[in-house]
């Protein structure tokens, strides 16, 4: 007899997850927490004025559709772009929902991963995981303009440095673009054989795809009323779509000013003791 799936609340969190978060919640008088922060990161987050509340997770197993690009045409595969973006958003939103269960102000040390499994053709699991934290001095003031916990993949050291300088993370912003790079024609292949020459077709395709991903990431940051994005990374991943289909994924930390005067700590030379 088939078993029924575990019940979920309105945010998509399994009941087991709700129970786990409830047991950790400081609302019930417990001071217990879990964290994926290293010892140094944990202590620096505490020094920055935040207390860890618990490890929060969001997951989505998503079926990635299929779209064929024209053999000799550079083009975005919008069906695939939309799928990769929607799946990450589902994982992120569920992680944020778990943080809200803990009444957190934000989530630090966020990691986004994608895994594929042999038992599902075209299935991918998107996982978002981080440590929910709460400000010990300005509770609630670090949330996003729409009242959600902020998200950040900054290390504990970078998080502490950012706050010390008068800035704060607004949210982890991202943009994606799945792009089909046109195949080279026989004439073009013969013309470039044995020569040092730029391949304009390939250059234009990858350039345009990166720009689309970067622009979408920037748009997300502007929607959060951020002043800029730090720690930007642009990753290229072929996955399983074929040699000429690549996902360009751009992500970074949207930040804003806490105050007008920014005190930047000067770097100091530390010599190890002999």
Protein backbone atom coordinates (compact mmCIF):
# COMPACT_ATOMS: atom_id res chain seq x y z
CA UNK A 1 0.00 0.00 0.00
CA UNK A 2 1.41 3.40 -0.98
CA UNK A 3 2.19 5.82 1.82
CA UNK A 4 0.80 9.31 1.79
CA UNK A 5 3.34 12.13 1.43
CA UNK A 6 4.21 14.01 4.64
CA UNK A 7 1.91 16.96 5.33
CA UNK A 8 3.16 20.45 4.49
CA UNK A 9 2.16 23.90 5.63
CA UNK A 10 1.23 26.75 3.32
CA UNK A 11 4.87 27.72 2.76
CA UNK A 12 5.73 24.22 1.52
CA UNK A 13 7.70 23.20 4.63
CA UNK A 14 7.24 19.53 5.59
CA UNK A 15 5.64 18.96 8.98
CA UNK A 16 8.88 17.38 10.20
CA UNK A 17 10.64 20.65 9.37
CA UNK A 18 8.04 22.69 11.23
CA UNK A 19 8.49 20.45 14.28
CA UNK A 20 12.29 20.75 14.09
CA UNK A 21 12.12 24.52 13.91
CA UNK A 22 9.61 24.68 16.76
CA UNK A 23 11.93 22.71 19.02
CA UNK A 24 14.76 25.13 18.27
CA UNK A 25 12.66 28.27 18.54
CA UNK A 26 13.68 30.63 21.30
CA UNK A 27 9.99 31.53 21.59
CA UNK A 28 9.54 28.32 23.58
CA UNK A 29 12.43 29.19 25.86
CA UNK A 30 15.06 26.99 24.22
CA UNK A 31 18.52 28.35 23.46
CA UNK A 32 19.48 25.42 21.21
CA UNK A 33 20.57 26.16 17.64
CA UNK A 34 22.25 24.52 14.64
CA UNK A 35 24.54 26.23 12.14
CA UNK A 36 26.71 25.50 9.11
CA UNK A 37 29.05 28.36 10.06
CA UNK A 38 32.65 27.56 10.95
CA UNK A 39 33.83 28.38 14.47
CA UNK A 40 35.47 31.64 13.32
CA UNK A 41 32.40 32.65 11.30
CA UNK A 42 30.08 31.84 14.18
CA UNK A 43 32.07 34.03 16.59
CA UNK A 44 32.30 36.93 14.12
CA UNK A 45 28.56 36.82 13.44
CA UNK A 46 28.03 37.00 17.21
CA UNK A 47 30.51 39.89 17.41
CA UNK A 48 28.56 41.68 14.67
CA UNK A 49 25.50 41.69 16.91
CA UNK A 50 23.56 38.68 15.62
CA UNK A 51 22.60 35.43 17.31
CA UNK A 52 22.22 32.20 15.31
CA UNK A 53 18.77 30.63 15.50
CA UNK A 54 19.09 27.51 13.41
CA UNK A 55 19.96 25.88 10.11
CA UNK A 56 17.26 26.57 7.51
CA UNK A 57 16.77 24.66 4.28
CA UNK A 58 14.70 24.99 1.13
CA UNK A 59 14.41 22.30 -1.53
CA UNK A 60 12.69 21.79 -4.87
CA UNK A 61 12.94 18.83 -7.23
CA UNK A 62 12.03 20.32 -10.56
CA UNK A 63 11.42 18.80 -13.97
CA UNK A 64 13.44 20.75 -16.52
CA UNK A 65 11.62 20.91 -19.83
CA UNK A 66 13.15 20.43 -23.25
CA UNK A 67 13.79 23.05 -25.88
CA UNK A 68 15.78 22.71 -29.08
CA UNK A 69 17.83 25.59 -30.45
CA UNK A 70 18.33 26.21 -34.16
CA UNK A 71 21.53 24.61 -35.38
CA UNK A 72 23.05 27.78 -36.83
CA UNK A 73 21.45 30.41 -34.57
CA UNK A 74 22.55 32.00 -31.30
CA UNK A 75 19.47 32.19 -29.10
CA UNK A 76 18.29 32.07 -25.52
CA UNK A 77 16.30 28.96 -24.60
CA UNK A 78 13.67 30.78 -22.58
CA UNK A 79 11.85 27.61 -21.47
CA UNK A 80 15.03 26.36 -19.80
CA UNK A 81 15.94 29.78 -18.40
CA UNK A 82 12.53 30.09 -16.80
CA UNK A 83 12.74 26.58 -15.31
CA UNK A 84 16.18 27.11 -13.76
CA UNK A 85 15.12 30.45 -12.31
CA UNK A 86 11.77 29.24 -10.95
CA UNK A 87 13.32 26.18 -9.28
CA UNK A 88 15.94 28.27 -7.46
CA UNK A 89 13.25 30.73 -6.38
CA UNK A 90 11.17 27.91 -4.90
CA UNK A 91 14.15 26.63 -2.90
CA UNK A 92 15.06 30.14 -1.73
CA UNK A 93 11.49 31.03 -0.72
CA UNK A 94 11.13 27.83 1.32
CA UNK A 95 14.40 28.52 3.08
CA UNK A 96 13.13 32.03 3.87
CA UNK A 97 9.86 30.54 5.16
CA UNK A 98 11.80 28.37 7.60
CA UNK A 99 13.68 31.47 8.77
CA UNK A 100 10.36 33.27 9.30
CA UNK A 101 9.23 30.36 11.48
CA UNK A 102 12.22 31.19 13.72
CA UNK A 103 11.39 34.92 13.59
CA UNK A 104 14.78 35.61 12.03
CA UNK A 105 16.01 38.92 10.65
CA UNK A 106 18.15 37.24 8.01
CA UNK A 107 20.04 34.22 6.73
CA UNK A 108 23.83 34.16 6.43
CA UNK A 109 26.20 31.72 4.75
CA UNK A 110 23.63 30.81 2.08
CA UNK A 111 24.63 28.08 -0.36
CA UNK A 112 22.76 27.21 -3.57
CA UNK A 113 23.38 23.80 -5.12
CA UNK A 114 21.89 21.81 -7.98
CA UNK A 115 21.99 18.02 -8.18
CA UNK A 116 20.82 15.57 -10.83
CA UNK A 117 19.73 12.00 -10.18
CA UNK A 118 19.82 8.85 -12.28
CA UNK A 119 16.27 7.91 -11.30
CA UNK A 120 14.70 10.90 -13.00
CA UNK A 121 15.30 11.98 -16.59
CA UNK A 122 15.31 15.76 -16.65
CA UNK A 123 14.84 16.07 -12.88
CA UNK A 124 17.08 18.31 -10.78
CA UNK A 125 17.05 19.06 -7.06
CA UNK A 126 17.69 22.68 -6.11
CA UNK A 127 18.77 23.21 -2.50
CA UNK A 128 19.20 26.45 -0.56
CA UNK A 129 20.72 26.21 2.91
CA UNK A 130 21.99 28.76 5.44
CA UNK A 131 21.94 29.87 9.08
CA UNK A 132 19.03 32.00 10.29
CA UNK A 133 20.12 34.89 12.53
CA UNK A 134 18.45 37.60 14.59
CA UNK A 135 19.84 41.01 15.50
CA UNK A 136 20.43 41.46 19.22
CA UNK A 137 20.23 45.25 19.01
CA UNK A 138 17.91 46.28 16.16
CA UNK A 139 15.46 43.44 15.77
CA UNK A 140 13.55 43.61 12.51
CA UNK A 141 15.50 46.54 11.08
CA UNK A 142 17.62 44.34 8.79
CA UNK A 143 14.71 42.79 6.90
CA UNK A 144 14.01 43.54 3.24
CA UNK A 145 11.53 46.29 2.23
CA UNK A 146 8.78 43.66 1.90
CA UNK A 147 9.40 42.36 5.43
CA UNK A 148 11.31 39.21 4.47
CA UNK A 149 14.55 38.05 6.14
CA UNK A 150 17.64 39.21 4.28
CA UNK A 151 19.80 36.55 2.60
CA UNK A 152 23.55 36.56 2.10
CA UNK A 153 26.25 34.12 1.03
CA UNK A 154 29.02 36.26 2.55
CA UNK A 155 31.44 34.52 4.87
CA UNK A 156 31.32 35.41 8.57
CA UNK A 157 34.43 37.55 8.11
CA UNK A 158 32.98 39.49 5.18
CA UNK A 159 29.63 39.86 6.96
CA UNK A 160 31.33 41.37 10.03
CA UNK A 161 33.51 43.68 7.89
CA UNK A 162 30.50 44.91 5.90
CA UNK A 163 28.54 45.81 9.05
CA UNK A 164 31.54 47.48 10.66
CA UNK A 165 31.83 49.75 7.62
CA UNK A 166 28.19 50.85 7.89
CA UNK A 167 26.64 48.62 5.23
CA UNK A 168 24.28 45.65 5.46
CA UNK A 169 23.19 42.87 3.10
CA UNK A 170 19.76 43.27 1.55
CA UNK A 171 19.48 39.96 -0.23
CA UNK A 172 21.14 37.34 -2.41
CA UNK A 173 20.23 38.35 -5.95
CA UNK A 174 20.57 36.23 -9.06
CA UNK A 175 20.02 36.09 -12.77
CA UNK A 176 20.14 33.16 -15.15
CA UNK A 177 20.23 32.59 -18.89
CA UNK A 178 20.27 29.26 -20.70
CA UNK A 179 21.70 29.90 -24.15
CA UNK A 180 22.19 27.91 -27.33
CA UNK A 181 25.52 28.66 -29.04
CA UNK A 182 25.20 28.19 -32.79
CA UNK A 183 27.33 25.56 -34.50
CA UNK A 184 30.10 26.73 -36.76
CA UNK A 185 29.50 26.40 -40.48
CA UNK A 186 31.77 24.18 -42.57
CA UNK A 187 33.12 27.24 -44.37
CA UNK A 188 33.91 28.94 -41.05
CA UNK A 189 35.59 25.81 -39.71
CA UNK A 190 37.75 25.44 -42.81
CA UNK A 191 38.60 29.16 -42.77
CA UNK A 192 39.89 29.05 -39.19
CA UNK A 193 41.82 25.80 -39.37
CA UNK A 194 45.46 26.33 -38.41
CA UNK A 195 44.99 30.08 -37.76
CA UNK A 196 44.94 32.37 -34.74
CA UNK A 197 41.62 34.14 -35.23
CA UNK A 198 38.68 35.22 -33.10
CA UNK A 199 35.47 33.27 -33.53
CA UNK A 200 32.91 36.13 -33.63
CA UNK A 201 29.90 33.83 -33.56
CA UNK A 202 30.96 32.11 -30.33
CA UNK A 203 32.17 35.36 -28.75
CA UNK A 204 28.89 37.12 -29.43
CA UNK A 205 26.83 34.23 -28.04
CA UNK A 206 28.64 33.87 -24.72
CA UNK A 207 28.95 37.65 -24.34
CA UNK A 208 25.23 38.20 -24.84
CA UNK A 209 24.27 35.32 -22.51
CA UNK A 210 26.45 36.67 -19.68
CA UNK A 211 24.99 40.14 -20.15
CA UNK A 212 21.44 38.80 -19.91
CA UNK A 213 22.25 36.98 -16.65
CA UNK A 214 24.03 40.03 -15.21
CA UNK A 215 21.20 42.37 -16.18
CA UNK A 216 18.60 40.16 -14.48
CA UNK A 217 20.68 39.99 -11.32
CA UNK A 218 21.02 43.78 -11.34
CA UNK A 219 17.27 44.17 -11.78
CA UNK A 220 16.63 42.04 -8.69
CA UNK A 221 18.96 44.25 -6.67
CA UNK A 222 17.18 47.40 -7.83
CA UNK A 223 13.84 45.85 -6.83
CA UNK A 224 15.27 45.42 -3.30
CA UNK A 225 16.22 49.13 -3.24
CA UNK A 226 19.90 48.21 -2.89
CA UNK A 227 22.81 50.56 -3.53
CA UNK A 228 24.94 47.94 -5.22
CA UNK A 229 25.96 44.30 -5.45
CA UNK A 230 29.15 42.86 -3.95
CA UNK A 231 30.76 39.46 -4.30
CA UNK A 232 29.37 38.92 -7.80
CA UNK A 233 30.10 35.58 -9.47
CA UNK A 234 29.19 34.43 -12.96
CA UNK A 235 29.20 30.67 -13.44
CA UNK A 236 28.92 28.67 -16.65
CA UNK A 237 27.37 25.20 -16.47
CA UNK A 238 26.57 22.88 -19.39
CA UNK A 239 24.54 20.35 -17.33
CA UNK A 240 23.05 17.67 -19.60
CA UNK A 241 21.56 19.70 -22.44
CA UNK A 242 24.35 19.19 -24.95
CA UNK A 243 27.69 20.67 -25.94
CA UNK A 244 26.21 23.87 -27.39
CA UNK A 245 23.77 24.72 -24.56
CA UNK A 246 25.16 26.54 -21.50
CA UNK A 247 23.58 28.12 -18.43
CA UNK A 248 25.10 31.41 -17.32
CA UNK A 249 24.25 32.03 -13.67
CA UNK A 250 25.08 35.39 -12.05
CA UNK A 251 24.62 35.99 -8.33
CA UNK A 252 25.85 38.36 -5.64
CA UNK A 253 24.93 40.22 -2.47
CA UNK A 254 22.76 43.33 -2.74
CA UNK A 255 23.81 45.83 -0.05
CA UNK A 256 22.62 49.17 1.32
CA UNK A 257 23.91 51.84 3.72
CA UNK A 258 23.06 51.73 7.40
CA UNK A 259 24.41 55.24 7.93
CA UNK A 260 25.93 58.09 5.93
CA UNK A 261 29.36 58.00 7.53
CA UNK A 262 31.33 54.87 6.65
CA UNK A 263 34.32 54.01 8.79
CA UNK A 264 36.55 51.67 6.85
CA UNK A 265 39.01 49.78 8.99
CA UNK A 266 42.56 50.12 7.65
CA UNK A 267 44.34 46.85 6.81
CA UNK A 268 47.00 45.87 9.33
CA UNK A 269 49.95 43.58 9.00
CA UNK A 270 49.85 40.66 11.42
CA UNK A 271 53.03 38.66 11.87
CA UNK A 272 52.88 35.14 13.30
CA UNK A 273 54.53 34.65 16.66
CA UNK A 274 57.67 32.54 16.52
